[in-house]
């Protein structure tokens, strides 16, 4: 019985409904793909933005240590023979970076 149903045997209303259903399905799939691509791009941009902020913060701490802390600690290092990790700019940046996830 289903073999007898062809596109030629359908009435104009049924043909129109089939075309509308096809267009509706194609448009839903197309808009879903477009929306997914848009949301993926926005999420990627947000992650890049947050990473750039974090890198700038670590660089600011490193520069602060280099320009302000090292000159204060250098006289003590010359008098004392023990290694002071705070005198290296990377130590401060690493400490800030490690403490960053601890604060919600």
Protein backbone atom coordinates (compact mmCIF):
# COMPACT_ATOMS: atom_id res chain seq x y z
CA UNK A 1 0.00 0.00 0.00
CA UNK A 2 2.89 2.36 0.75
CA UNK A 3 4.39 1.55 -2.64
CA UNK A 4 1.38 3.12 -4.36
CA UNK A 5 1.97 6.50 -2.65
CA UNK A 6 4.20 8.66 -4.83
CA UNK A 7 4.68 12.38 -5.18
CA UNK A 8 2.45 12.44 -8.28
CA UNK A 9 -0.47 10.90 -6.41
CA UNK A 10 -0.43 13.47 -3.56
CA UNK A 11 -2.73 16.47 -3.58
CA UNK A 12 -1.32 19.98 -3.85
CA UNK A 13 -1.92 20.64 -0.11
CA UNK A 14 0.08 17.56 0.90
CA UNK A 15 2.91 18.51 -1.48
CA UNK A 16 2.96 22.02 -0.04
CA UNK A 17 3.06 20.61 3.51
CA UNK A 18 5.98 18.33 2.62
CA UNK A 19 7.93 21.23 1.13
CA UNK A 20 7.23 23.39 4.20
CA UNK A 21 8.32 20.58 6.53
CA UNK A 22 11.53 20.14 4.53
CA UNK A 23 12.27 23.88 4.58
CA UNK A 24 11.53 24.00 8.32
CA UNK A 25 13.90 21.10 9.09
CA UNK A 26 16.68 22.54 6.92
CA UNK A 27 16.32 26.00 8.49
CA UNK A 28 16.36 24.56 12.03
CA UNK A 29 19.52 22.58 11.27
CA UNK A 30 21.17 25.59 9.62
CA UNK A 31 20.36 27.93 12.48
CA UNK A 32 21.58 25.32 14.99
CA UNK A 33 24.93 25.03 13.24
CA UNK A 34 25.25 28.83 13.00
CA UNK A 35 24.35 29.32 16.68
CA UNK A 36 26.77 26.60 17.76
CA UNK A 37 29.57 28.21 15.77
CA UNK A 38 28.78 31.63 17.23
CA UNK A 39 28.71 30.36 20.82
CA UNK A 40 31.94 28.42 20.30
CA UNK A 41 33.65 31.56 19.01
CA UNK A 42 32.38 33.65 21.93
CA UNK A 43 33.56 31.08 24.46
CA UNK A 44 36.97 30.93 22.82
CA UNK A 45 37.25 34.73 22.85
CA UNK A 46 36.30 34.83 26.53
CA UNK A 47 38.96 32.27 27.45
CA UNK A 48 41.60 34.19 25.47
CA UNK A 49 40.54 37.45 27.17
CA UNK A 50 40.78 35.91 30.66
CA UNK A 51 44.17 34.39 29.84
CA UNK A 52 45.48 37.76 28.64
CA UNK A 53 44.31 39.39 31.87
CA UNK A 54 46.08 36.69 33.90
CA UNK A 55 49.29 37.09 31.90
CA UNK A 56 49.19 40.87 32.34
CA UNK A 57 48.69 40.44 36.09
CA UNK A 58 51.67 38.08 36.38
CA UNK A 59 53.81 40.44 34.30
CA UNK A 60 52.77 43.36 36.52
CA UNK A 61 53.81 41.43 39.63
CA UNK A 62 57.10 40.49 37.97
CA UNK A 63 57.79 44.12 37.02
CA UNK A 64 56.87 45.31 40.52
CA UNK A 65 59.28 42.82 42.04
CA UNK A 66 62.02 43.76 39.61
CA UNK A 67 61.63 47.52 40.11
CA UNK A 68 60.66 47.81 43.78
CA UNK A 69 61.54 44.68 45.76
CA UNK A 70 64.90 43.70 44.28
CA UNK A 71 66.54 47.09 45.08
CA UNK A 72 65.37 46.75 48.69
CA UNK A 73 66.64 43.21 49.11
CA UNK A 74 69.97 43.45 47.26
CA UNK A 75 71.87 44.99 50.21
CA UNK A 76 70.66 42.16 52.45
CA UNK A 77 71.72 39.53 49.93
CA UNK A 78 75.21 40.99 49.75
CA UNK A 79 75.54 40.83 53.53
CA UNK A 80 73.92 37.42 53.94
CA UNK A 81 75.21 34.45 51.96
CA UNK A 82 71.91 32.52 51.98
CA UNK A 83 69.72 32.51 48.90
CA UNK A 84 66.58 34.66 49.13
CA UNK A 85 63.98 33.51 46.57
CA UNK A 86 61.99 36.72 46.93
CA UNK A 87 64.69 38.61 45.04
CA UNK A 88 63.86 36.85 41.78
CA UNK A 89 60.93 38.41 39.85
CA UNK A 90 59.64 35.02 38.75
CA UNK A 91 59.26 33.87 42.36
CA UNK A 92 56.70 36.57 43.14
CA UNK A 93 54.80 35.95 39.91
CA UNK A 94 54.75 32.21 40.60
CA UNK A 95 53.53 32.73 44.16
CA UNK A 96 50.71 35.02 43.01
CA UNK A 97 49.79 32.59 40.24
CA UNK A 98 49.69 29.67 42.69
CA UNK A 99 47.57 31.62 45.21
CA UNK A 100 45.17 32.82 42.53
CA UNK A 101 43.03 29.62 42.35
CA UNK A 102 42.82 29.39 46.14
CA UNK A 103 40.63 32.50 46.29
CA UNK A 104 37.14 31.81 44.93
